[in-house]
Amino acid sequence: MRNRLPISGIWGAMATSVSRLRSIRWSYGLAGFAAGLATATCIFLLVYSASVPSSPSTDLWISPAQAAAPQPDSPANLRDSICYIYGVYSVEKPDSLRRIRTEFSGSGFLVAPGVVASNGHIAEPWRDDGGPQFSARTGSSLKGSKPRLESLVAFFPGVASPVVLSTRQVSPSADVALLTFVPQGASAKIAPLALGDVTAEPGDEVTVIGYPLGLMGMLAKAPRPVTERLMREPDDLTVARELARLALIRPSSTTGHLGDVVDDTLVFDASTAHGGSGGPVLNRQGKVIGITSAYLRGFSGGTLGVSVRALRPLLQHP
């Protein structure tokens, strides 16, 4: 509420005060003048304060910490549930006695205690190596090559050591899979992400969280002394363990909008890169509506994901 006072009233009060000052000054000298000046000052301040608009007390003193605090469903509160996946697989060629070993990485997220959702090509990383020669479901090829998953571990933010993953189920029709581990210690306290129930529509805002560029992406964000030391380390698993020990396993996030939804395929412009596969696609409520699966090189609006609908049947069949 604003209190107004006529300008003429303000000047009248000031003039009266000045005339009193003159009378007091001649009558009582310097001491009287000082007392009159104090009286005039008080009157002026009272008049001025009456003309200044008053503000409700609730509009004052909003602390920066309160104003900047993230909402419970913001991506900042969901990062601890999103893991960096590192693995090694080998392929035995039928025409030789040697095995070819390959390292790979990706992303995943917790959907239930001890259960991680990711891509099928993370659970079976050899599926694209030989194109049509490989069978993604049987682990064998038409030419007799035998791929084998040698190791698969997951690093969660805030957890100092990795958890060992095993494959629980791979979708026969979509690029999604469930991986399991034994939750214990800090990993047992991680909260699963909630799955969205609302059908996604083109134009919806989305957030993508994962580990694009894998270890290189995390080292780029690490303190410079740590980066310089670990860049010389030849073993990726050693680097990942050290980042976990230093609490530097930290996913990256990008935001964008859905450009199209075709059956169980989501197309969006939130960018990612190699290593981001398997990370969650979140709606504005922080619910999972899809899983990042691929991106089109040279087209920033061509990131692809698999709808969460393809994941639900796996969760219903332990």
C-alpha atoms as a PDB file:
ATOM      1  CA  MET A   1       0.000   0.000   0.000  1.00  0.00           C
ATOM      2  CA  ARG A   2       1.367   3.417  -0.921  1.00  0.00           C
ATOM      3  CA  ASN A   3       0.795   6.448   1.387  1.00  0.00           C
ATOM      4  CA  ARG A   4       0.739   9.812  -0.419  1.00  0.00           C
ATOM      5  CA  LEU A   5       1.181  13.321   1.084  1.00  0.00           C
ATOM      6  CA  PRO A   6       0.563  16.568  -0.924  1.00  0.00           C
ATOM      7  CA  ILE A   7       3.739  18.394  -1.927  1.00  0.00           C
ATOM      8  CA  SER A   8       2.327  21.632  -0.533  1.00  0.00           C
ATOM      9  CA  GLY A   9       1.957  19.996   2.879  1.00  0.00           C
ATOM     10  CA  ILE A  10       5.615  18.884   2.844  1.00  0.00           C
ATOM     11  CA  TRP A  11       6.899  22.354   1.943  1.00  0.00           C
ATOM     12  CA  GLY A  12       4.574  23.952   4.489  1.00  0.00           C
ATOM     13  CA  ALA A  13       5.930  21.780   7.271  1.00  0.00           C
ATOM     14  CA  MET A  14       9.495  22.607   6.263  1.00  0.00           C
ATOM     15  CA  ALA A  15       8.764  26.355   6.139  1.00  0.00           C
ATOM     16  CA  THR A  16       7.223  26.256   9.606  1.00  0.00           C
ATOM     17  CA  SER A  17      10.293  24.449  10.916  1.00  0.00           C
ATOM     18  CA  VAL A  18      12.632  27.039   9.390  1.00  0.00           C
ATOM     19  CA  SER A  19      10.701  29.957  10.906  1.00  0.00           C
ATOM     20  CA  ARG A  20      10.903  28.249  14.297  1.00  0.00           C
ATOM     21  CA  LEU A  21      14.633  27.809  13.807  1.00  0.00           C
ATOM     22  CA  ARG A  22      15.058  31.554  13.283  1.00  0.00           C
ATOM     23  CA  SER A  23      13.067  32.373  16.435  1.00  0.00           C
ATOM     24  CA  ILE A  24      14.960  29.870  18.517  1.00  0.00           C
ATOM     25  CA  ARG A  25      18.282  31.026  17.099  1.00  0.00           C
ATOM     26  CA  TRP A  26      17.813  34.678  18.077  1.00  0.00           C
ATOM     27  CA  SER A  27      16.363  33.792  21.464  1.00  0.00           C
ATOM     28  CA  TYR A  28      18.714  31.163  22.711  1.00  0.00           C
ATOM     29  CA  GLY A  29      21.858  31.410  20.575  1.00  0.00           C
ATOM     30  CA  LEU A  30      23.811  28.495  19.189  1.00  0.00           C
ATOM     31  CA  ALA A  31      22.309  25.859  21.495  1.00  0.00           C
ATOM     32  CA  GLY A  32      18.823  26.853  20.482  1.00  0.00           C
ATOM     33  CA  PHE A  33      19.770  26.710  16.800  1.00  0.00           C
ATOM     34  CA  ALA A  34      21.071  23.132  17.148  1.00  0.00           C
ATOM     35  CA  ALA A  35      17.879  22.033  18.878  1.00  0.00           C
ATOM     36  CA  GLY A  36      15.756  23.633  16.178  1.00  0.00           C
ATOM     37  CA  LEU A  37      17.792  21.962  13.425  1.00  0.00           C
ATOM     38  CA  ALA A  38      17.236  18.577  15.040  1.00  0.00           C
ATOM     39  CA  THR A  39      13.497  19.257  15.218  1.00  0.00           C
ATOM     40  CA  ALA A  40      13.347  20.180  11.524  1.00  0.00           C
ATOM     41  CA  THR A  41      15.301  17.067  10.562  1.00  0.00           C
ATOM     42  CA  CYS A  42      12.925  14.810  12.462  1.00  0.00           C
ATOM     43  CA  ILE A  43       9.893  16.431  10.854  1.00  0.00           C
ATOM     44  CA  PHE A  44      11.395  16.044   7.377  1.00  0.00           C
ATOM     45  CA  LEU A  45      12.218  12.377   7.932  1.00  0.00           C
ATOM     46  CA  LEU A  46       8.717  11.669   9.175  1.00  0.00           C
ATOM     47  CA  VAL A  47       7.188  13.388   6.137  1.00  0.00           C
ATOM     48  CA  TYR A  48       9.532  11.548   3.742  1.00  0.00           C
ATOM     49  CA  SER A  49       8.873   8.138   5.259  1.00  0.00           C
ATOM     50  CA  ALA A  50       5.143   8.690   4.863  1.00  0.00           C
ATOM     51  CA  SER A  51       5.567   9.199   1.120  1.00  0.00           C
ATOM     52  CA  VAL A  52       7.693   6.051   0.500  1.00  0.00           C
ATOM     53  CA  PRO A  53       5.719   2.962  -0.604  1.00  0.00           C
ATOM     54  CA  SER A  54       5.556   0.174   1.913  1.00  0.00           C
ATOM     55  CA  SER A  55       6.330  -3.456   0.924  1.00  0.00           C
ATOM     56  CA  PRO A  56       4.919  -6.609   2.406  1.00  0.00           C
ATOM     57  CA  SER A  57       7.365  -8.337   4.730  1.00  0.00           C
ATOM     58  CA  THR A  58       7.141 -11.500   2.697  1.00  0.00           C
ATOM     59  CA  ASP A  59       8.911  -9.805  -0.234  1.00  0.00           C
ATOM     60  CA  LEU A  60      12.095  -9.194   1.772  1.00  0.00           C
ATOM     61  CA  TRP A  61      15.196 -11.225   2.526  1.00  0.00           C
ATOM     62  CA  ILE A  62      15.106 -14.153   0.126  1.00  0.00           C
ATOM     63  CA  SER A  63      18.417 -15.882   0.738  1.00  0.00           C
ATOM     64  CA  PRO A  64      20.498 -16.850  -2.328  1.00  0.00           C
ATOM     65  CA  ALA A  65      20.717 -20.454  -1.109  1.00  0.00           C
ATOM     66  CA  GLN A  66      16.954 -20.771  -0.941  1.00  0.00           C
ATOM     67  CA  ALA A  67      16.421 -19.056  -4.283  1.00  0.00           C
ATOM     68  CA  ALA A  68      18.924 -21.304  -6.058  1.00  0.00           C
ATOM     69  CA  ALA A  69      17.984 -24.597  -4.408  1.00  0.00           C
ATOM     70  CA  PRO A  70      17.093 -27.253  -7.025  1.00  0.00           C
ATOM     71  CA  GLN A  71      13.675 -28.826  -7.045  1.00  0.00           C
ATOM     72  CA  PRO A  72      13.372 -32.416  -5.780  1.00  0.00           C
ATOM     73  CA  ASP A  73      12.886 -33.713  -9.312  1.00  0.00           C
ATOM     74  CA  SER A  74      15.620 -31.639 -10.973  1.00  0.00           C
ATOM     75  CA  PRO A  75      18.411 -33.396 -12.917  1.00  0.00           C
ATOM     76  CA  ALA A  76      20.922 -32.282 -10.286  1.00  0.00           C
ATOM     77  CA  ASN A  77      19.230 -34.600  -7.783  1.00  0.00           C
ATOM     78  CA  LEU A  78      19.114 -37.539 -10.193  1.00  0.00           C
ATOM     79  CA  ARG A  79      22.778 -37.779 -11.190  1.00  0.00           C
ATOM     80  CA  ASP A  80      23.748 -40.218  -8.451  1.00  0.00           C
ATOM     81  CA  SER A  81      21.480 -42.839 -10.040  1.00  0.00           C
ATOM     82  CA  ILE A  82      23.251 -42.678 -13.433  1.00  0.00           C
ATOM     83  CA  CYS A  83      26.333 -44.837 -13.838  1.00  0.00           C
ATOM     84  CA  TYR A  84      29.365 -45.024 -16.091  1.00  0.00           C
ATOM     85  CA  ILE A  85      29.710 -48.505 -17.571  1.00  0.00           C
ATOM     86  CA  TYR A  86      33.077 -49.941 -18.568  1.00  0.00           C
ATOM     87  CA  GLY A  87      33.632 -53.340 -20.118  1.00  0.00           C
ATOM     88  CA  VAL A  88      35.899 -55.626 -22.073  1.00  0.00           C
ATOM     89  CA  TYR A  89      34.826 -58.252 -24.566  1.00  0.00           C
ATOM     90  CA  SER A  90      36.732 -60.575 -26.843  1.00  0.00           C
ATOM     91  CA  VAL A  91      36.039 -62.342 -30.115  1.00  0.00           C
ATOM     92  CA  GLU A  92      37.647 -65.608 -31.124  1.00  0.00           C
ATOM     93  CA  LYS A  93      38.117 -65.769 -34.862  1.00  0.00           C
ATOM     94  CA  PRO A  94      37.317 -69.166 -36.379  1.00  0.00           C
ATOM     95  CA  ASP A  95      40.354 -69.109 -38.653  1.00  0.00           C
ATOM     96  CA  SER A  96      42.885 -68.443 -35.895  1.00  0.00           C
ATOM     97  CA  LEU A  97      43.712 -69.425 -32.341  1.00  0.00           C
ATOM     98  CA  ARG A  98      43.801 -65.862 -30.989  1.00  0.00           C
ATOM     99  CA  ARG A  99      41.138 -63.708 -29.431  1.00  0.00           C
ATOM    100  CA  ILE A 100      40.719 -60.008 -30.158  1.00  0.00           C
ATOM    101  CA  ARG A 101      39.970 -57.987 -27.014  1.00  0.00           C
ATOM    102  CA  THR A 102      38.070 -54.678 -27.158  1.00  0.00           C
ATOM    103  CA  GLU A 103      37.299 -52.108 -24.450  1.00  0.00           C
ATOM    104  CA  PHE A 104      34.046 -50.176 -24.526  1.00  0.00           C
ATOM    105  CA  SER A 105      32.034 -47.801 -22.371  1.00  0.00           C
ATOM    106  CA  GLY A 106      28.493 -46.520 -22.027  1.00  0.00           C
ATOM    107  CA  SER A 107      25.906 -45.238 -19.591  1.00  0.00           C
ATOM    108  CA  GLY A 108      23.132 -46.740 -17.512  1.00  0.00           C
ATOM    109  CA  PHE A 109      20.733 -45.847 -14.714  1.00  0.00           C
ATOM    110  CA  LEU A 110      19.217 -47.558 -11.712  1.00  0.00           C
ATOM    111  CA  VAL A 111      15.582 -48.657 -12.136  1.00  0.00           C
ATOM    112  CA  ALA A 112      15.323 -50.931  -9.085  1.00  0.00           C
ATOM    113  CA  PRO A 113      17.660 -52.001  -6.250  1.00  0.00           C
ATOM    114  CA  GLY A 114      20.529 -53.792  -7.944  1.00  0.00           C
ATOM    115  CA  VAL A 115      19.044 -53.372 -11.445  1.00  0.00           C
ATOM    116  CA  VAL A 116      20.531 -51.098 -14.127  1.00  0.00           C
ATOM    117  CA  ALA A 117      18.833 -50.244 -17.419  1.00  0.00           C
ATOM    118  CA  SER A 118      20.968 -49.611 -20.490  1.00  0.00           C
ATOM    119  CA  ASN A 119      21.168 -50.429 -24.187  1.00  0.00           C
ATOM    120  CA  GLY A 120      21.220 -53.868 -25.704  1.00  0.00           C
ATOM    121  CA  HIS A 121      24.439 -52.943 -27.486  1.00  0.00           C
ATOM    122  CA  ILE A 122      26.023 -52.265 -24.083  1.00  0.00           C
ATOM    123  CA  ALA A 123      25.005 -55.671 -22.730  1.00  0.00           C
ATOM    124  CA  GLU A 124      26.111 -57.271 -26.030  1.00  0.00           C
ATOM    125  CA  PRO A 125      28.763 -54.867 -27.363  1.00  0.00           C
ATOM    126  CA  TRP A 126      29.788 -57.124 -30.242  1.00  0.00           C
ATOM    127  CA  ARG A 127      26.404 -56.952 -31.981  1.00  0.00           C
ATOM    128  CA  ASP A 128      27.482 -54.296 -34.505  1.00  0.00           C
ATOM    129  CA  ASP A 129      31.038 -55.521 -35.088  1.00  0.00           C
ATOM    130  CA  GLY A 130      30.290 -57.770 -37.999  1.00  0.00           C
ATOM    131  CA  GLY A 131      27.028 -56.390 -39.295  1.00  0.00           C
ATOM    132  CA  PRO A 132      24.770 -59.242 -40.432  1.00  0.00           C
ATOM    133  CA  GLN A 133      27.419 -61.824 -39.624  1.00  0.00           C
ATOM    134  CA  PHE A 134      26.699 -61.638 -35.906  1.00  0.00           C
ATOM    135  CA  SER A 135      23.633 -62.799 -34.069  1.00  0.00           C
ATOM    136  CA  ALA A 136      22.981 -60.313 -31.270  1.00  0.00           C
ATOM    137  CA  ARG A 137      20.891 -62.792 -29.316  1.00  0.00           C
ATOM    138  CA  THR A 138      22.914 -66.031 -29.335  1.00  0.00           C
ATOM    139  CA  GLY A 139      26.434 -64.636 -28.980  1.00  0.00           C
ATOM    140  CA  SER A 140      27.599 -66.445 -32.102  1.00  0.00           C
ATOM    141  CA  SER A 141      27.996 -65.619 -35.757  1.00  0.00           C
ATOM    142  CA  LEU A 142      27.123 -67.335 -38.981  1.00  0.00           C
ATOM    143  CA  LYS A 143      30.842 -67.675 -39.660  1.00  0.00           C
ATOM    144  CA  GLY A 144      31.619 -69.264 -36.332  1.00  0.00           C
ATOM    145  CA  SER A 145      33.130 -66.345 -34.402  1.00  0.00           C
ATOM    146  CA  LYS A 146      32.505 -66.560 -30.666  1.00  0.00           C
ATOM    147  CA  PRO A 147      32.231 -63.256 -28.773  1.00  0.00           C
ATOM    148  CA  ARG A 148      32.513 -63.320 -25.009  1.00  0.00           C
ATOM    149  CA  LEU A 149      31.960 -60.619 -22.400  1.00  0.00           C
ATOM    150  CA  GLU A 150      35.046 -60.728 -20.194  1.00  0.00           C
ATOM    151  CA  SER A 151      34.165 -58.003 -17.698  1.00  0.00           C
ATOM    152  CA  LEU A 152      31.476 -55.393 -17.120  1.00  0.00           C
ATOM    153  CA  VAL A 153      31.448 -52.922 -14.230  1.00  0.00           C
ATOM    154  CA  ALA A 154      29.552 -49.773 -13.312  1.00  0.00           C
ATOM    155  CA  PHE A 155      30.755 -46.653 -11.492  1.00  0.00           C
ATOM    156  CA  PHE A 156      28.112 -44.589  -9.684  1.00  0.00           C
ATOM    157  CA  PRO A 157      28.775 -40.981  -8.605  1.00  0.00           C
ATOM    158  CA  GLY A 158      29.756 -40.817  -4.946  1.00  0.00           C
ATOM    159  CA  VAL A 159      30.622 -44.522  -4.750  1.00  0.00           C
ATOM    160  CA  ALA A 160      34.356 -45.118  -4.357  1.00  0.00           C
ATOM    161  CA  SER A 161      34.492 -48.538  -6.012  1.00  0.00           C
ATOM    162  CA  PRO A 162      32.728 -50.121  -9.006  1.00  0.00           C
ATOM    163  CA  VAL A 163      30.012 -52.754  -8.920  1.00  0.00           C
ATOM    164  CA  VAL A 164      30.232 -55.870 -11.071  1.00  0.00           C
ATOM    165  CA  LEU A 165      27.421 -56.172 -13.612  1.00  0.00           C
ATOM    166  CA  SER A 166      25.864 -59.243 -15.134  1.00  0.00           C
ATOM    167  CA  THR A 167      23.274 -59.420 -17.896  1.00  0.00           C
ATOM    168  CA  ARG A 168      19.763 -60.157 -16.727  1.00  0.00           C
ATOM    169  CA  GLN A 169      17.778 -59.722 -19.926  1.00  0.00           C
ATOM    170  CA  VAL A 170      18.144 -58.213 -23.396  1.00  0.00           C
ATOM    171  CA  SER A 171      15.105 -57.167 -25.392  1.00  0.00           C
ATOM    172  CA  PRO A 172      14.596 -59.314 -28.502  1.00  0.00           C
ATOM    173  CA  SER A 173      13.159 -56.377 -30.460  1.00  0.00           C
ATOM    174  CA  ALA A 174      14.526 -53.117 -29.026  1.00  0.00           C
ATOM    175  CA  ASP A 175      17.941 -51.745 -28.058  1.00  0.00           C
ATOM    176  CA  VAL A 176      17.349 -52.018 -24.304  1.00  0.00           C
ATOM    177  CA  ALA A 177      18.646 -54.367 -21.627  1.00  0.00           C
ATOM    178  CA  LEU A 178      18.681 -54.920 -17.880  1.00  0.00           C
ATOM    179  CA  LEU A 179      21.905 -55.537 -15.963  1.00  0.00           C
ATOM    180  CA  THR A 180      22.164 -56.604 -12.327  1.00  0.00           C
ATOM    181  CA  PHE A 181      24.633 -56.236  -9.457  1.00  0.00           C
ATOM    182  CA  VAL A 182      24.723 -57.054  -5.753  1.00  0.00           C
ATOM    183  CA  PRO A 183      23.906 -53.816  -3.886  1.00  0.00           C
ATOM    184  CA  GLN A 184      25.992 -53.318  -0.790  1.00  0.00           C
ATOM    185  CA  GLY A 185      27.517 -50.403   1.069  1.00  0.00           C
ATOM    186  CA  ALA A 186      27.090 -47.054  -0.677  1.00  0.00           C
ATOM    187  CA  SER A 187      25.635 -48.657  -3.809  1.00  0.00           C
ATOM    188  CA  ALA A 188      22.704 -49.979  -1.753  1.00  0.00           C
ATOM    189  CA  LYS A 189      21.649 -46.417  -0.884  1.00  0.00           C
ATOM    190  CA  ILE A 190      21.223 -45.212  -4.485  1.00  0.00           C
ATOM    191  CA  ALA A 191      17.655 -44.276  -5.354  1.00  0.00           C
ATOM    192  CA  PRO A 192      16.176 -45.746  -8.566  1.00  0.00           C
ATOM    193  CA  LEU A 193      14.837 -43.361 -11.195  1.00  0.00           C
ATOM    194  CA  ALA A 194      11.094 -43.241 -11.712  1.00  0.00           C
ATOM    195  CA  LEU A 195       9.670 -44.227 -15.084  1.00  0.00           C
ATOM    196  CA  GLY A 196       7.273 -41.822 -16.771  1.00  0.00           C
ATOM    197  CA  ASP A 197       3.683 -42.779 -17.408  1.00  0.00           C
ATOM    198  CA  VAL A 198       2.765 -39.960 -19.785  1.00  0.00           C
ATOM    199  CA  THR A 199       3.125 -40.544 -23.509  1.00  0.00           C
ATOM    200  CA  ALA A 200       5.827 -38.309 -24.965  1.00  0.00           C
ATOM    201  CA  GLU A 201       4.802 -35.861 -27.686  1.00  0.00           C
ATOM    202  CA  PRO A 202       6.832 -33.846 -30.234  1.00  0.00           C
ATOM    203  CA  GLY A 203       7.769 -30.505 -28.749  1.00  0.00           C
ATOM    204  CA  ASP A 204       8.144 -31.815 -25.189  1.00  0.00           C
ATOM    205  CA  GLU A 205      11.215 -30.633 -23.322  1.00  0.00           C
ATOM    206  CA  VAL A 206      13.730 -33.365 -22.453  1.00  0.00           C
ATOM    207  CA  THR A 207      16.968 -33.707 -20.503  1.00  0.00           C
ATOM    208  CA  VAL A 208      19.591 -36.293 -21.422  1.00  0.00           C
ATOM    209  CA  ILE A 209      22.139 -37.396 -18.810  1.00  0.00           C
ATOM    210  CA  GLY A 210      25.053 -39.748 -19.358  1.00  0.00           C
ATOM    211  CA  TYR A 211      28.779 -40.066 -19.972  1.00  0.00           C
ATOM    212  CA  PRO A 212      29.444 -38.822 -23.515  1.00  0.00           C
ATOM    213  CA  LEU A 213      33.088 -39.383 -24.522  1.00  0.00           C
ATOM    214  CA  GLY A 214      33.488 -41.670 -21.510  1.00  0.00           C
ATOM    215  CA  LEU A 215      36.656 -41.111 -19.502  1.00  0.00           C
ATOM    216  CA  MET A 216      37.801 -38.281 -21.775  1.00  0.00           C
ATOM    217  CA  GLY A 217      34.650 -36.346 -20.986  1.00  0.00           C
ATOM    218  CA  MET A 218      35.166 -36.741 -17.241  1.00  0.00           C
ATOM    219  CA  LEU A 219      38.890 -35.953 -17.389  1.00  0.00           C
ATOM    220  CA  ALA A 220      38.093 -32.745 -19.256  1.00  0.00           C
ATOM    221  CA  LYS A 221      36.087 -31.593 -16.216  1.00  0.00           C
ATOM    222  CA  ALA A 222      38.560 -32.813 -13.575  1.00  0.00           C
ATOM    223  CA  PRO A 223      41.058 -30.520 -11.809  1.00  0.00           C
ATOM    224  CA  ARG A 224      44.062 -29.893 -14.003  1.00  0.00           C
ATOM    225  CA  PRO A 225      46.622 -31.776 -11.844  1.00  0.00           C
ATOM    226  CA  VAL A 226      44.378 -34.853 -11.859  1.00  0.00           C
ATOM    227  CA  THR A 227      43.883 -34.657 -15.617  1.00  0.00           C
ATOM    228  CA  GLU A 228      47.612 -34.294 -16.316  1.00  0.00           C
ATOM    229  CA  ARG A 229      48.427 -37.268 -14.093  1.00  0.00           C
ATOM    230  CA  LEU A 230      45.739 -39.628 -15.364  1.00  0.00           C
ATOM    231  CA  MET A 231      46.144 -38.785 -19.044  1.00  0.00           C
ATOM    232  CA  ARG A 232      49.465 -40.648 -18.903  1.00  0.00           C
ATOM    233  CA  GLU A 233      47.841 -43.766 -17.422  1.00  0.00           C
ATOM    234  CA  PRO A 234      47.471 -46.414 -20.188  1.00  0.00           C
ATOM    235  CA  ASP A 235      44.843 -48.549 -18.426  1.00  0.00           C
ATOM    236  CA  ASP A 236      41.302 -47.148 -18.632  1.00  0.00           C
ATOM    237  CA  LEU A 237      40.026 -49.188 -15.706  1.00  0.00           C
ATOM    238  CA  THR A 238      42.749 -47.745 -13.486  1.00  0.00           C
ATOM    239  CA  VAL A 239      41.750 -44.241 -14.561  1.00  0.00           C
ATOM    240  CA  ALA A 240      38.095 -44.942 -13.793  1.00  0.00           C
ATOM    241  CA  ARG A 241      38.938 -46.326 -10.365  1.00  0.00           C
ATOM    242  CA  GLU A 242      40.998 -43.252  -9.524  1.00  0.00           C
ATOM    243  CA  LEU A 243      38.233 -40.911 -10.659  1.00  0.00           C
ATOM    244  CA  ALA A 244      35.819 -42.844  -8.458  1.00  0.00           C
ATOM    245  CA  ARG A 245      38.172 -42.597  -5.485  1.00  0.00           C
ATOM    246  CA  LEU A 246      38.384 -38.830  -5.986  1.00  0.00           C
ATOM    247  CA  ALA A 247      34.573 -38.518  -6.379  1.00  0.00           C
ATOM    248  CA  LEU A 248      35.024 -37.350  -9.979  1.00  0.00           C
ATOM    249  CA  ILE A 249      32.639 -39.805 -11.621  1.00  0.00           C
ATOM    250  CA  ARG A 250      30.199 -37.136 -12.768  1.00  0.00           C
ATOM    251  CA  PRO A 251      27.732 -37.394 -15.671  1.00  0.00           C
ATOM    252  CA  SER A 252      26.970 -34.584 -18.100  1.00  0.00           C
ATOM    253  CA  SER A 253      23.528 -33.359 -19.087  1.00  0.00           C
ATOM    254  CA  THR A 254      22.049 -31.559 -22.080  1.00  0.00           C
ATOM    255  CA  THR A 255      18.547 -30.299 -22.716  1.00  0.00           C
ATOM    256  CA  GLY A 256      16.423 -30.061 -25.847  1.00  0.00           C
ATOM    257  CA  HIS A 257      13.061 -30.956 -27.295  1.00  0.00           C
ATOM    258  CA  LEU A 258      11.500 -33.982 -28.884  1.00  0.00           C
ATOM    259  CA  GLY A 259      11.426 -33.561 -32.638  1.00  0.00           C
ATOM    260  CA  ASP A 260       9.466 -36.705 -33.403  1.00  0.00           C
ATOM    261  CA  VAL A 261       8.093 -39.901 -31.891  1.00  0.00           C
ATOM    262  CA  VAL A 262       7.736 -42.924 -34.167  1.00  0.00           C
ATOM    263  CA  ASP A 263       6.522 -46.065 -32.431  1.00  0.00           C
ATOM    264  CA  ASP A 264       9.168 -46.682 -29.750  1.00  0.00           C
ATOM    265  CA  THR A 265      11.765 -44.363 -31.293  1.00  0.00           C
ATOM    266  CA  LEU A 266      12.354 -40.888 -29.854  1.00  0.00           C
ATOM    267  CA  VAL A 267      14.107 -38.201 -31.901  1.00  0.00           C
ATOM    268  CA  PHE A 268      15.394 -35.151 -30.024  1.00  0.00           C
ATOM    269  CA  ASP A 269      17.957 -32.361 -30.289  1.00  0.00           C
ATOM    270  CA  ALA A 270      19.599 -32.738 -26.870  1.00  0.00           C
ATOM    271  CA  SER A 271      23.125 -33.574 -27.976  1.00  0.00           C
ATOM    272  CA  THR A 272      25.254 -36.519 -26.891  1.00  0.00           C
ATOM    273  CA  ALA A 273      28.300 -38.424 -28.129  1.00  0.00           C
ATOM    274  CA  HIS A 274      29.894 -41.853 -28.018  1.00  0.00           C
ATOM    275  CA  GLY A 275      29.608 -43.118 -24.440  1.00  0.00           C
ATOM    276  CA  GLY A 276      26.229 -41.503 -23.826  1.00  0.00           C
ATOM    277  CA  SER A 277      24.384 -44.598 -25.018  1.00  0.00           C
ATOM    278  CA  GLY A 278      22.240 -46.098 -22.279  1.00  0.00           C
ATOM    279  CA  GLY A 279      21.651 -42.856 -20.393  1.00  0.00           C
ATOM    280  CA  PRO A 280      18.122 -41.794 -19.437  1.00  0.00           C
ATOM    281  CA  VAL A 281      15.956 -39.334 -21.366  1.00  0.00           C
ATOM    282  CA  LEU A 282      13.961 -37.374 -18.771  1.00  0.00           C
ATOM    283  CA  ASN A 283      10.841 -35.267 -19.073  1.00  0.00           C
ATOM    284  CA  ARG A 284      10.267 -32.010 -17.195  1.00  0.00           C
ATOM    285  CA  GLN A 285       9.098 -33.926 -14.125  1.00  0.00           C
ATOM    286  CA  GLY A 286      12.361 -35.859 -13.920  1.00  0.00           C
ATOM    287  CA  LYS A 287      10.738 -39.116 -15.030  1.00  0.00           C
ATOM    288  CA  VAL A 288      12.406 -41.461 -17.508  1.00  0.00           C
ATOM    289  CA  ILE A 289      10.645 -41.491 -20.878  1.00  0.00           C
ATOM    290  CA  GLY A 290      13.397 -43.130 -22.910  1.00  0.00           C
ATOM    291  CA  ILE A 291      16.960 -44.408 -23.195  1.00  0.00           C
ATOM    292  CA  THR A 292      19.571 -42.758 -25.410  1.00  0.00           C
ATOM    293  CA  SER A 293      20.650 -45.196 -28.097  1.00  0.00           C
ATOM    294  CA  ALA A 294      22.397 -43.412 -30.998  1.00  0.00           C
ATOM    295  CA  TYR A 295      23.053 -40.112 -32.736  1.00  0.00           C
ATOM    296  CA  LEU A 296      23.346 -39.034 -36.333  1.00  0.00           C
ATOM    297  CA  ARG A 297      26.738 -37.559 -37.176  1.00  0.00           C
ATOM    298  CA  GLY A 298      26.561 -34.089 -38.646  1.00  0.00           C
ATOM    299  CA  PHE A 299      22.968 -33.446 -37.561  1.00  0.00           C
ATOM    300  CA  SER A 300      22.525 -31.863 -34.127  1.00  0.00           C
ATOM    301  CA  GLY A 301      18.794 -32.590 -34.083  1.00  0.00           C
ATOM    302  CA  GLY A 302      19.238 -36.294 -34.728  1.00  0.00           C
ATOM    303  CA  THR A 303      19.804 -37.910 -31.348  1.00  0.00           C
ATOM    304  CA  LEU A 304      17.848 -41.151 -31.064  1.00  0.00           C
ATOM    305  CA  GLY A 305      16.352 -42.891 -28.076  1.00  0.00           C
ATOM    306  CA  VAL A 306      14.188 -45.895 -27.285  1.00  0.00           C
ATOM    307  CA  SER A 307      10.875 -45.258 -25.546  1.00  0.00           C
ATOM    308  CA  VAL A 308      10.555 -46.457 -21.971  1.00  0.00           C
ATOM    309  CA  ARG A 309       7.663 -48.613 -23.202  1.00  0.00           C
ATOM    310  CA  ALA A 310      10.242 -51.040 -24.574  1.00  0.00           C
ATOM    311  CA  LEU A 311      11.800 -51.368 -21.118  1.00  0.00           C
ATOM    312  CA  ARG A 312       8.683 -52.173 -19.143  1.00  0.00           C
ATOM    313  CA  PRO A 313       8.256 -55.777 -20.395  1.00  0.00           C
ATOM    314  CA  LEU A 314      11.753 -56.593 -19.150  1.00  0.00           C
ATOM    315  CA  LEU A 315      10.971 -55.238 -15.703  1.00  0.00           C
ATOM    316  CA  GLN A 316       7.831 -57.366 -15.515  1.00  0.00           C
ATOM    317  CA  HIS A 317       9.743 -60.601 -16.140  1.00  0.00           C
ATOM    318  CA  PRO A 318      12.561 -61.078 -13.620  1.00  0.00           C
END
